[in-house]
Amino acid sequence: MAKTIKTVGEAIKAYGGVRAMNEAFGLNVPEGSVFGRHSVAEWRQHGEIPRGAQLGMCLGLEARGYRISPKLFGVKRWAEIPGVV
């Protein structure tokens, strides 16, 4: 059974770490730094994924063999996300 991803931290691990996820999402982060204006480390710090990255996150995690919980996006049920239902 596939592991269910519920947190930003779990998603980062599934991608292979902060640097790997930054690369996957094409985020420019200064060399030697995991923090940047739009970095994955900021997503982890704030516990939320920007709307513009949510679809890619879902598809990327599914492609890696994971299930996604709506908790990853800060809701209890998928129906709470605009446009889902």
N, C-alpha and C. Protein backbone atom coordinates (compact mmCIF):
# COMPACT_ATOMS: atom_id res chain seq x y z
N MET A 1 0.84 -1.19 0.00
CA MET A 1 0.00 0.00 0.00
C MET A 1 0.89 1.25 0.00
N ALA A 2 0.51 2.22 -0.78
CA ALA A 2 1.28 3.45 -0.90
C ALA A 2 1.18 4.31 0.36
N LYS A 3 2.29 4.95 0.70
CA LYS A 3 2.30 5.87 1.83
C LYS A 3 1.48 7.10 1.48
N THR A 4 0.74 7.61 2.45
CA THR A 4 -0.06 8.82 2.25
C THR A 4 0.71 10.01 2.77
N ILE A 5 0.87 11.02 1.93
CA ILE A 5 1.59 12.24 2.28
C ILE A 5 0.60 13.23 2.87
N LYS A 6 0.89 13.67 4.12
CA LYS A 6 -0.01 14.58 4.83
C LYS A 6 0.61 15.94 5.14
N THR A 7 1.94 16.04 5.07
CA THR A 7 2.60 17.29 5.43
C THR A 7 3.58 17.72 4.35
N VAL A 8 3.94 19.00 4.38
CA VAL A 8 4.93 19.50 3.44
C VAL A 8 6.26 18.79 3.66
N GLY A 9 6.61 18.55 4.91
CA GLY A 9 7.86 17.84 5.21
C GLY A 9 7.90 16.45 4.59
N GLU A 10 6.79 15.73 4.67
CA GLU A 10 6.72 14.40 4.05
C GLU A 10 6.84 14.50 2.53
N ALA A 11 6.24 15.51 1.95
CA ALA A 11 6.32 15.71 0.50
C ALA A 11 7.76 16.00 0.08
N ILE A 12 8.45 16.83 0.86
CA ILE A 12 9.85 17.14 0.55
C ILE A 12 10.69 15.88 0.59
N LYS A 13 10.49 15.04 1.60
CA LYS A 13 11.22 13.77 1.69
C LYS A 13 10.93 12.89 0.48
N ALA A 14 9.67 12.85 0.05
CA ALA A 14 9.28 12.03 -1.09
C ALA A 14 9.98 12.46 -2.37
N TYR A 15 10.27 13.75 -2.49
CA TYR A 15 10.96 14.27 -3.66
C TYR A 15 12.48 14.12 -3.56
N GLY A 16 12.98 13.77 -2.38
CA GLY A 16 14.42 13.59 -2.21
C GLY A 16 15.11 14.75 -1.53
N GLY A 17 14.35 15.61 -0.86
CA GLY A 17 14.94 16.71 -0.11
C GLY A 17 14.61 18.07 -0.71
N VAL A 18 14.98 19.10 0.04
CA VAL A 18 14.67 20.49 -0.35
C VAL A 18 15.28 20.84 -1.70
N ARG A 19 16.55 20.53 -1.88
CA ARG A 19 17.23 20.90 -3.14
C ARG A 19 16.56 20.19 -4.33
N ALA A 20 16.27 18.91 -4.18
CA ALA A 20 15.64 18.16 -5.28
C ALA A 20 14.26 18.72 -5.61
N MET A 21 13.51 19.11 -4.58
CA MET A 21 12.18 19.66 -4.85
C MET A 21 12.28 21.05 -5.47
N ASN A 22 13.23 21.87 -5.01
CA ASN A 22 13.44 23.17 -5.65
C ASN A 22 13.72 22.98 -7.14
N GLU A 23 14.57 22.02 -7.47
CA GLU A 23 14.89 21.76 -8.88
C GLU A 23 13.65 21.27 -9.64
N ALA A 24 12.88 20.38 -9.02
CA ALA A 24 11.69 19.85 -9.68
C ALA A 24 10.69 20.95 -10.02
N PHE A 25 10.61 21.96 -9.16
CA PHE A 25 9.65 23.04 -9.37
C PHE A 25 10.28 24.27 -10.03
N GLY A 26 11.54 24.16 -10.41
CA GLY A 26 12.21 25.24 -11.13
C GLY A 26 12.38 26.50 -10.30
N LEU A 27 12.59 26.33 -9.01
CA LEU A 27 12.74 27.49 -8.12
C LEU A 27 14.21 27.89 -8.05
N ASN A 28 14.45 29.18 -8.21
CA ASN A 28 15.82 29.71 -8.14
C ASN A 28 16.17 30.03 -6.70
N VAL A 29 17.11 29.28 -6.18
CA VAL A 29 17.57 29.48 -4.82
C VAL A 29 19.07 29.67 -4.88
N PRO A 30 19.60 30.71 -4.22
CA PRO A 30 21.05 30.95 -4.27
C PRO A 30 21.86 29.72 -3.85
N GLU A 31 22.99 29.50 -4.51
CA GLU A 31 23.87 28.37 -4.20
C GLU A 31 24.23 28.38 -2.73
N GLY A 32 24.13 27.22 -2.10
CA GLY A 32 24.48 27.09 -0.69
C GLY A 32 23.37 27.48 0.26
N SER A 33 22.22 27.89 -0.27
CA SER A 33 21.12 28.32 0.58
C SER A 33 19.88 27.49 0.26
N VAL A 34 19.16 27.11 1.30
CA VAL A 34 17.89 26.42 1.06
C VAL A 34 16.73 27.39 1.17
N PHE A 35 17.01 28.62 1.54
CA PHE A 35 15.96 29.63 1.65
C PHE A 35 16.06 30.61 0.50
N GLY A 36 14.96 31.00 0.02
CA GLY A 36 14.87 31.99 -1.03
C GLY A 36 13.48 32.56 -0.99
N ARG A 37 13.24 33.55 -1.79
CA ARG A 37 11.94 34.19 -1.76
C ARG A 37 10.81 33.21 -2.04
N HIS A 38 11.06 32.27 -2.93
CA HIS A 38 10.03 31.29 -3.28
C HIS A 38 10.64 29.90 -3.19
N SER A 39 11.09 29.53 -2.03
CA SER A 39 11.76 28.24 -1.90
C SER A 39 10.88 27.21 -1.21
N VAL A 40 11.20 25.96 -1.46
CA VAL A 40 10.52 24.85 -0.83
C VAL A 40 10.70 24.93 0.69
N ALA A 41 11.86 25.39 1.14
CA ALA A 41 12.08 25.53 2.58
C ALA A 41 11.07 26.50 3.20
N GLU A 42 10.70 27.53 2.46
CA GLU A 42 9.66 28.45 2.94
C GLU A 42 8.32 27.74 3.02
N TRP A 43 8.04 26.88 2.04
CA TRP A 43 6.79 26.13 2.07
C TRP A 43 6.74 25.29 3.34
N ARG A 44 7.87 24.64 3.64
CA ARG A 44 7.92 23.81 4.85
C ARG A 44 7.77 24.67 6.10
N GLN A 45 8.43 25.80 6.13
CA GLN A 45 8.38 26.69 7.29
C GLN A 45 6.95 27.15 7.57
N HIS A 46 6.22 27.47 6.52
CA HIS A 46 4.85 27.98 6.68
C HIS A 46 3.80 26.87 6.66
N GLY A 47 4.23 25.65 6.29
CA GLY A 47 3.31 24.52 6.28
C GLY A 47 2.26 24.56 5.19
N GLU A 48 2.56 25.28 4.11
CA GLU A 48 1.59 25.32 3.01
C GLU A 48 2.28 25.41 1.66
N ILE A 49 1.59 24.87 0.68
CA ILE A 49 2.09 24.85 -0.69
C ILE A 49 1.33 25.89 -1.49
N PRO A 50 2.04 26.76 -2.21
CA PRO A 50 1.35 27.78 -2.99
C PRO A 50 0.40 27.14 -4.02
N ARG A 51 -0.70 27.82 -4.27
CA ARG A 51 -1.69 27.29 -5.23
C ARG A 51 -1.07 26.94 -6.57
N GLY A 52 -0.15 27.74 -7.03
CA GLY A 52 0.46 27.48 -8.33
C GLY A 52 1.27 26.19 -8.38
N ALA A 53 1.60 25.63 -7.24
CA ALA A 53 2.40 24.40 -7.20
C ALA A 53 1.57 23.18 -6.80
N GLN A 54 0.32 23.39 -6.43
CA GLN A 54 -0.47 22.28 -5.89
C GLN A 54 -0.73 21.17 -6.90
N LEU A 55 -1.09 21.50 -8.11
CA LEU A 55 -1.35 20.47 -9.12
C LEU A 55 -0.08 19.68 -9.40
N GLY A 56 1.02 20.39 -9.61
CA GLY A 56 2.29 19.72 -9.85
C GLY A 56 2.69 18.82 -8.69
N MET A 57 2.41 19.29 -7.48
CA MET A 57 2.72 18.50 -6.29
C MET A 57 1.90 17.21 -6.29
N CYS A 58 0.62 17.31 -6.55
CA CYS A 58 -0.25 16.11 -6.59
C CYS A 58 0.24 15.13 -7.65
N LEU A 59 0.46 15.62 -8.84
CA LEU A 59 0.87 14.74 -9.93
C LEU A 59 2.26 14.15 -9.69
N GLY A 60 3.17 14.97 -9.16
CA GLY A 60 4.52 14.50 -8.88
C GLY A 60 4.55 13.42 -7.81
N LEU A 61 3.77 13.60 -6.76
CA LEU A 61 3.72 12.60 -5.70
C LEU A 61 3.07 11.32 -6.19
N GLU A 62 1.99 11.45 -6.95
CA GLU A 62 1.35 10.26 -7.50
C GLU A 62 2.29 9.51 -8.44
N ALA A 63 3.04 10.24 -9.25
CA ALA A 63 4.00 9.61 -10.16
C ALA A 63 5.10 8.87 -9.40
N ARG A 64 5.37 9.31 -8.18
CA ARG A 64 6.37 8.67 -7.34
C ARG A 64 5.78 7.54 -6.49
N GLY A 65 4.50 7.25 -6.68
CA GLY A 65 3.86 6.13 -6.00
C GLY A 65 3.23 6.45 -4.66
N TYR A 66 2.99 7.73 -4.36
CA TYR A 66 2.39 8.13 -3.09
C TYR A 66 0.93 8.48 -3.27
N ARG A 67 0.20 8.41 -2.16
CA ARG A 67 -1.17 8.92 -2.10
C ARG A 67 -1.08 10.28 -1.43
N ILE A 68 -2.05 11.15 -1.70
CA ILE A 68 -2.04 12.51 -1.14
C ILE A 68 -3.26 12.69 -0.26
N SER A 69 -3.02 13.19 0.93
CA SER A 69 -4.11 13.53 1.85
C SER A 69 -4.48 14.99 1.63
N PRO A 70 -5.74 15.35 1.76
CA PRO A 70 -6.12 16.76 1.67
C PRO A 70 -5.44 17.60 2.76
N LYS A 71 -4.98 16.93 3.83
CA LYS A 71 -4.28 17.63 4.90
C LYS A 71 -3.01 18.31 4.39
N LEU A 72 -2.42 17.78 3.32
CA LEU A 72 -1.23 18.40 2.73
C LEU A 72 -1.53 19.83 2.32
N PHE A 73 -2.79 20.10 1.97
CA PHE A 73 -3.19 21.42 1.51
C PHE A 73 -3.99 22.18 2.56
N GLY A 74 -3.95 21.70 3.81
CA GLY A 74 -4.55 22.43 4.92
C GLY A 74 -6.04 22.27 5.10
N VAL A 75 -6.61 21.21 4.51
CA VAL A 75 -8.04 20.98 4.66
C VAL A 75 -8.28 19.54 5.11
N LYS A 76 -9.47 19.30 5.66
CA LYS A 76 -9.81 17.95 6.13
C LYS A 76 -10.38 17.09 5.01
N ARG A 77 -11.11 17.72 4.07
CA ARG A 77 -11.75 17.00 2.98
C ARG A 77 -11.43 17.69 1.66
N TRP A 78 -11.32 16.89 0.60
CA TRP A 78 -11.03 17.46 -0.72
C TRP A 78 -12.08 18.49 -1.12
N ALA A 79 -13.31 18.31 -0.71
CA ALA A 79 -14.39 19.23 -1.09
C ALA A 79 -14.17 20.64 -0.57
N GLU A 80 -13.27 20.81 0.38
CA GLU A 80 -12.98 22.14 0.93
C GLU A 80 -12.06 22.96 0.03
N ILE A 81 -11.48 22.33 -0.99
CA ILE A 81 -10.58 23.03 -1.90
C ILE A 81 -11.41 23.56 -3.06
N PRO A 82 -11.33 24.87 -3.34
CA PRO A 82 -12.11 25.45 -4.43
C PRO A 82 -11.86 24.73 -5.75
N GLY A 83 -12.93 24.38 -6.43
CA GLY A 83 -12.85 23.76 -7.72
C GLY A 83 -12.84 22.24 -7.71
N VAL A 84 -12.70 21.63 -6.54
CA VAL A 84 -12.64 20.17 -6.49
C VAL A 84 -14.03 19.58 -6.65
N VAL A 85 -15.02 20.17 -6.02
CA VAL A 85 -16.38 19.66 -6.12
C VAL A 85 -17.26 20.76 -6.69
